[in-house]
């Protein structure tokens, strides 16, 4: 009889711990993967009139650029699918507030940190850290493969990207002519 009571107590404690864990990782806000198409045509036309070969992408344009890539491949980990995200850029460090579906069943939220690197013609976004609320997860537990975005696919055929730099919340593209 004591063994049955002990087993029931363990099951109740386990269920309460599981419920507490699900509550702890539950998303605090609704995020999605909707994005606005990146339109550089108007910016490029204005730049040609000014004879300036630099395009600045705002934080919302960077957000849309990355969301488009993420929406095409939302399963970022064998056990996690991104269901929503908001990206913010600070001097070359990208921070993402994401909503995930873990094991195709449990909603969770996390804050992911990324480093950005430019190697012509690809912008590489490399995952460097994960936080769930105040708790930092080791990369051994949750690591996302790098995301590669071909920025030249957004350019007209005769305009290329010489370099990419980050200034506050903007991404600056130095352009070049291609023949």
Foldseek 3Di string as FASTA:
>chain_A
DVVVVVVVVVVVVVVVVVVVVLVLFADPDDFALDADDDACPVVVVVCVVVVAQKDKDFLRRVQRQVSVLCVVPQCFDPFKGWGGWHWFDFFQKIKIWTWIQGNVHGIGIKIWIWGWDDDPQKIKTATDWIDRVPDTDDVVVPGGDIGIDGPCVNPPPQKGFPDWGDDGRMIMTGIDGHD
